[in-house]
Every structure is written in C-alpha cells, then in structure tokens.
Amino acid sequence: MALLTQDVKFTITPQSCGEEGDCIQVQISGEQSVVLCLTPQQARAMASDLIQTVYRAEVKNSLLSSQRRSTGSKSDTVTDKYAMHSPHAA
C-alpha cells in the first residue's frame, strides 16, 4: 500500500524477516527517509495508536468547530434582535 501526501510517500509492505517470520516494513520517504521493520504485533499496536490519536484529534476539532458555530450564531441572534427594532424617529 502506498500513499502520497504533501511530498511524503508512505509504503507499507509485508517482508520475510528470516527466522523471526514475517514482518511489516513501513517506508516513509520525503525530505528524509525512514524504514521501520515491525513485527505484526508492533504494526498492529502502531496502527491502533494512530487510529485512536486521529479519532481524538477529529473529535477535538469537531467540538471546537461546533463551539465556534454556536458562539457565532449567538452573536448573530443578538444582532438580529436589535436589527428587528426600527429606529425611533425624533
């Protein structure tokens, strides 16, 4: 599996690691390149941590967005209340 994101390429492939059995090779190339050889258990733990971290970030962003929208709609409501009153002629 390969994924290209902002000049960074991720390649994830199964590899034979000799006596240790199969391993997962994660190659990250871009400005700097990194190769990780993980056991299936390490790869699973890394994937799980990544998914949980992304989920937390999405929830946080969603909460911040909804707070911004509710704050914006409250100020719009206040503005609308004043806008509904016609100015008194003197």
N, C-alpha and C. Protein backbone atom coordinates (compact mmCIF):
# COMPACT_ATOMS: atom_id res chain seq x y z
N MET A 1 0.85 -1.17 0.00
CA MET A 1 0.00 0.00 0.00
C MET A 1 0.90 1.23 0.00
N ALA A 2 0.65 2.17 -0.91
CA ALA A 2 1.43 3.41 -0.95
C ALA A 2 0.48 4.59 -0.89
N LEU A 3 0.88 5.62 -0.16
CA LEU A 3 0.06 6.81 0.00
C LEU A 3 0.96 8.02 -0.18
N LEU A 4 0.55 8.95 -1.04
CA LEU A 4 1.34 10.15 -1.29
C LEU A 4 0.64 11.34 -0.68
N THR A 5 1.31 12.03 0.24
CA THR A 5 0.73 13.18 0.92
C THR A 5 1.78 14.26 1.06
N GLN A 6 1.55 15.42 0.44
CA GLN A 6 2.42 16.58 0.57
C GLN A 6 3.90 16.21 0.48
N ASP A 7 4.31 15.65 -0.62
CA ASP A 7 5.72 15.30 -0.87
C ASP A 7 6.26 14.24 0.08
N VAL A 8 5.40 13.55 0.79
CA VAL A 8 5.82 12.45 1.65
C VAL A 8 5.12 11.19 1.14
N LYS A 9 5.88 10.14 0.93
CA LYS A 9 5.31 8.90 0.42
C LYS A 9 5.43 7.82 1.49
N PHE A 10 4.34 7.15 1.78
CA PHE A 10 4.31 6.05 2.74
C PHE A 10 4.13 4.76 1.96
N THR A 11 5.00 3.79 2.20
CA THR A 11 4.87 2.48 1.58
C THR A 11 4.88 1.44 2.69
N ILE A 12 3.87 0.59 2.70
CA ILE A 12 3.75 -0.45 3.73
C ILE A 12 3.67 -1.80 3.00
N THR A 13 4.65 -2.67 3.31
CA THR A 13 4.71 -3.97 2.64
C THR A 13 5.06 -5.06 3.63
N PRO A 14 4.52 -6.27 3.41
CA PRO A 14 4.95 -7.40 4.24
C PRO A 14 6.32 -7.88 3.74
N GLN A 15 7.18 -8.27 4.64
CA GLN A 15 8.53 -8.75 4.31
C GLN A 15 8.81 -10.03 5.08
N SER A 16 9.69 -10.84 4.53
CA SER A 16 10.16 -12.01 5.25
C SER A 16 11.38 -11.59 6.06
N CYS A 17 11.34 -11.87 7.35
CA CYS A 17 12.43 -11.45 8.25
C CYS A 17 13.25 -12.64 8.73
N GLY A 18 13.40 -13.63 7.89
CA GLY A 18 14.23 -14.78 8.24
C GLY A 18 13.61 -15.64 9.32
N GLU A 19 14.40 -15.94 10.35
CA GLU A 19 13.95 -16.82 11.42
C GLU A 19 12.81 -16.22 12.24
N GLU A 20 12.74 -14.90 12.24
CA GLU A 20 11.71 -14.21 13.03
C GLU A 20 10.33 -14.32 12.41
N GLY A 21 10.24 -14.78 11.17
CA GLY A 21 8.97 -14.88 10.48
C GLY A 21 8.72 -13.65 9.64
N ASP A 22 7.46 -13.37 9.41
CA ASP A 22 7.12 -12.20 8.60
C ASP A 22 7.15 -10.94 9.44
N CYS A 23 7.47 -9.84 8.79
CA CYS A 23 7.42 -8.54 9.45
C CYS A 23 6.78 -7.54 8.48
N ILE A 24 6.49 -6.40 9.00
CA ILE A 24 5.86 -5.34 8.22
C ILE A 24 6.89 -4.24 8.03
N GLN A 25 7.15 -3.88 6.78
CA GLN A 25 8.10 -2.81 6.51
C GLN A 25 7.32 -1.54 6.19
N VAL A 26 7.60 -0.49 6.95
CA VAL A 26 6.97 0.81 6.74
C VAL A 26 8.08 1.75 6.27
N GLN A 27 7.95 2.23 5.05
CA GLN A 27 8.96 3.13 4.50
C GLN A 27 8.31 4.51 4.31
N ILE A 28 8.96 5.51 4.87
CA ILE A 28 8.48 6.89 4.76
C ILE A 28 9.56 7.65 4.02
N SER A 29 9.24 8.14 2.82
CA SER A 29 10.22 8.89 2.05
C SER A 29 9.71 10.29 1.79
N GLY A 30 10.62 11.19 1.77
CA GLY A 30 10.34 12.59 1.53
C GLY A 30 11.64 13.34 1.67
N GLU A 31 11.61 14.42 2.41
CA GLU A 31 12.82 15.18 2.65
C GLU A 31 13.86 14.29 3.35
N GLN A 32 13.40 13.47 4.27
CA GLN A 32 14.23 12.47 4.92
C GLN A 32 13.51 11.13 4.79
N SER A 33 14.26 10.06 4.68
CA SER A 33 13.65 8.74 4.54
C SER A 33 13.87 7.92 5.80
N VAL A 34 12.85 7.12 6.14
CA VAL A 34 12.90 6.26 7.31
C VAL A 34 12.30 4.91 6.91
N VAL A 35 12.91 3.83 7.39
CA VAL A 35 12.36 2.50 7.17
C VAL A 35 12.20 1.84 8.54
N LEU A 36 10.99 1.38 8.83
CA LEU A 36 10.71 0.66 10.07
C LEU A 36 10.38 -0.78 9.72
N CYS A 37 10.99 -1.72 10.41
CA CYS A 37 10.63 -3.13 10.27
C CYS A 37 9.97 -3.55 11.58
N LEU A 38 8.70 -3.83 11.51
CA LEU A 38 7.91 -4.11 12.71
C LEU A 38 7.38 -5.53 12.69
N THR A 39 7.25 -6.10 13.86
CA THR A 39 6.56 -7.38 13.97
C THR A 39 5.08 -7.10 13.73
N PRO A 40 4.31 -8.12 13.40
CA PRO A 40 2.87 -7.90 13.23
C PRO A 40 2.23 -7.26 14.48
N GLN A 41 2.67 -7.68 15.66
CA GLN A 41 2.12 -7.12 16.89
C GLN A 41 2.48 -5.63 17.03
N GLN A 42 3.72 -5.28 16.70
CA GLN A 42 4.13 -3.87 16.76
C GLN A 42 3.36 -3.05 15.74
N ALA A 43 3.20 -3.59 14.54
CA ALA A 43 2.47 -2.87 13.49
C ALA A 43 1.01 -2.66 13.90
N ARG A 44 0.40 -3.69 14.49
CA ARG A 44 -0.98 -3.60 14.95
C ARG A 44 -1.11 -2.55 16.05
N ALA A 45 -0.17 -2.54 17.01
CA ALA A 45 -0.19 -1.56 18.09
C ALA A 45 -0.01 -0.14 17.54
N MET A 46 0.90 0.01 16.59
CA MET A 46 1.12 1.32 15.98
C MET A 46 -0.14 1.79 15.24
N ALA A 47 -0.75 0.90 14.48
CA ALA A 47 -1.97 1.24 13.75
C ALA A 47 -3.09 1.63 14.71
N SER A 48 -3.24 0.87 15.79
CA SER A 48 -4.27 1.16 16.77
C SER A 48 -4.04 2.52 17.43
N ASP A 49 -2.79 2.80 17.82
CA ASP A 49 -2.47 4.10 18.41
C ASP A 49 -2.73 5.24 17.43
N LEU A 50 -2.37 5.02 16.18
CA LEU A 50 -2.60 6.04 15.15
C LEU A 50 -4.08 6.32 14.97
N ILE A 51 -4.88 5.26 14.89
CA ILE A 51 -6.32 5.42 14.73
C ILE A 51 -6.93 6.16 15.92
N GLN A 52 -6.53 5.78 17.15
CA GLN A 52 -7.06 6.44 18.34
C GLN A 52 -6.66 7.90 18.40
N THR A 53 -5.42 8.20 18.02
CA THR A 53 -4.95 9.59 18.03
C THR A 53 -5.68 10.43 17.01
N VAL A 54 -5.89 9.88 15.82
CA VAL A 54 -6.64 10.60 14.78
C VAL A 54 -8.08 10.82 15.23
N TYR A 55 -8.70 9.82 15.84
CA TYR A 55 -10.06 9.94 16.33
C TYR A 55 -10.16 11.07 17.36
N ARG A 56 -9.22 11.10 18.31
CA ARG A 56 -9.23 12.17 19.33
C ARG A 56 -9.08 13.54 18.68
N ALA A 57 -8.19 13.65 17.70
CA ALA A 57 -7.99 14.93 17.02
C ALA A 57 -9.26 15.35 16.28
N GLU A 58 -9.93 14.40 15.63
CA GLU A 58 -11.17 14.72 14.90
C GLU A 58 -12.27 15.16 15.87
N VAL A 59 -12.39 14.47 17.00
CA VAL A 59 -13.40 14.85 18.00
C VAL A 59 -13.10 16.25 18.53
N LYS A 60 -11.85 16.52 18.84
CA LYS A 60 -11.46 17.84 19.35
C LYS A 60 -11.77 18.92 18.32
N ASN A 61 -11.41 18.68 17.06
CA ASN A 61 -11.70 19.66 16.00
C ASN A 61 -13.19 19.86 15.82
N SER A 62 -13.95 18.78 15.91
CA SER A 62 -15.40 18.87 15.77
C SER A 62 -16.01 19.69 16.90
N LEU A 63 -15.54 19.45 18.13
CA LEU A 63 -16.05 20.21 19.28
C LEU A 63 -15.69 21.69 19.14
N LEU A 64 -14.47 21.98 18.72
CA LEU A 64 -14.06 23.38 18.55
C LEU A 64 -14.89 24.05 17.45
N SER A 65 -15.15 23.33 16.37
CA SER A 65 -15.96 23.88 15.28
C SER A 65 -17.38 24.17 15.73
N SER A 66 -17.97 23.23 16.49
CA SER A 66 -19.34 23.43 16.95
C SER A 66 -19.41 24.58 17.96
N GLN A 67 -18.36 24.74 18.78
CA GLN A 67 -18.33 25.87 19.72
C GLN A 67 -18.25 27.18 18.96
N ARG A 68 -17.43 27.21 17.91
CA ARG A 68 -17.31 28.43 17.10
C ARG A 68 -18.64 28.76 16.42
N ARG A 69 -19.30 27.72 15.90
CA ARG A 69 -20.59 27.95 15.24
C ARG A 69 -21.63 28.44 16.23
N SER A 70 -21.67 27.83 17.43
CA SER A 70 -22.68 28.24 18.41
C SER A 70 -22.38 29.64 18.92
N THR A 71 -21.12 30.00 19.08
CA THR A 71 -20.76 31.35 19.50
C THR A 71 -21.14 32.34 18.41
N GLY A 72 -20.87 31.98 17.17
CA GLY A 72 -21.23 32.84 16.04
C GLY A 72 -22.72 33.00 15.91
N SER A 73 -23.49 31.93 16.10
CA SER A 73 -24.94 32.03 15.96
C SER A 73 -25.55 32.82 17.11
N LYS A 74 -24.95 32.75 18.32
CA LYS A 74 -25.46 33.54 19.44
C LYS A 74 -25.27 35.02 19.17
N SER A 75 -24.11 35.41 18.65
CA SER A 75 -23.88 36.82 18.37
C SER A 75 -24.77 37.29 17.22
N ASP A 76 -25.04 36.41 16.25
CA ASP A 76 -25.95 36.76 15.16
C ASP A 76 -27.36 36.97 15.69
N THR A 77 -27.77 36.16 16.67
CA THR A 77 -29.10 36.29 17.25
C THR A 77 -29.23 37.62 17.97
N VAL A 78 -28.22 38.02 18.71
CA VAL A 78 -28.24 39.30 19.39
C VAL A 78 -28.33 40.43 18.37
N THR A 79 -27.56 40.33 17.31
CA THR A 79 -27.59 41.35 16.26
C THR A 79 -28.97 41.39 15.62
N ASP A 80 -29.57 40.22 15.37
CA ASP A 80 -30.88 40.16 14.75
C ASP A 80 -31.94 40.81 15.64
N LYS A 81 -31.85 40.64 16.96
CA LYS A 81 -32.83 41.24 17.87
C LYS A 81 -32.80 42.76 17.73
N TYR A 82 -31.62 43.32 17.67
CA TYR A 82 -31.51 44.77 17.56
C TYR A 82 -31.89 45.24 16.16
N ALA A 83 -31.61 44.43 15.16
CA ALA A 83 -31.92 44.80 13.79
C ALA A 83 -33.43 44.79 13.55
N MET A 84 -34.17 43.99 14.34
CA MET A 84 -35.62 43.88 14.13
C MET A 84 -36.35 45.14 14.61
N HIS A 85 -35.76 45.90 15.54
CA HIS A 85 -36.41 47.10 16.02
C HIS A 85 -36.14 48.25 15.06
N SER A 86 -37.19 48.93 14.68
CA SER A 86 -36.96 50.07 13.79
C SER A 86 -36.51 51.26 14.62
N PRO A 87 -35.66 52.08 14.06
CA PRO A 87 -35.19 53.24 14.81
C PRO A 87 -36.34 54.21 15.05
N HIS A 88 -36.34 54.87 16.20
CA HIS A 88 -37.39 55.82 16.51
C HIS A 88 -37.08 57.14 15.81
N ALA A 89 -38.12 57.69 15.22
CA ALA A 89 -37.93 58.98 14.55
C ALA A 89 -38.03 60.07 15.59
N ALA A 90 -37.16 61.02 15.53
CA ALA A 90 -37.18 62.11 16.50
C ALA A 90 -37.88 63.31 15.96
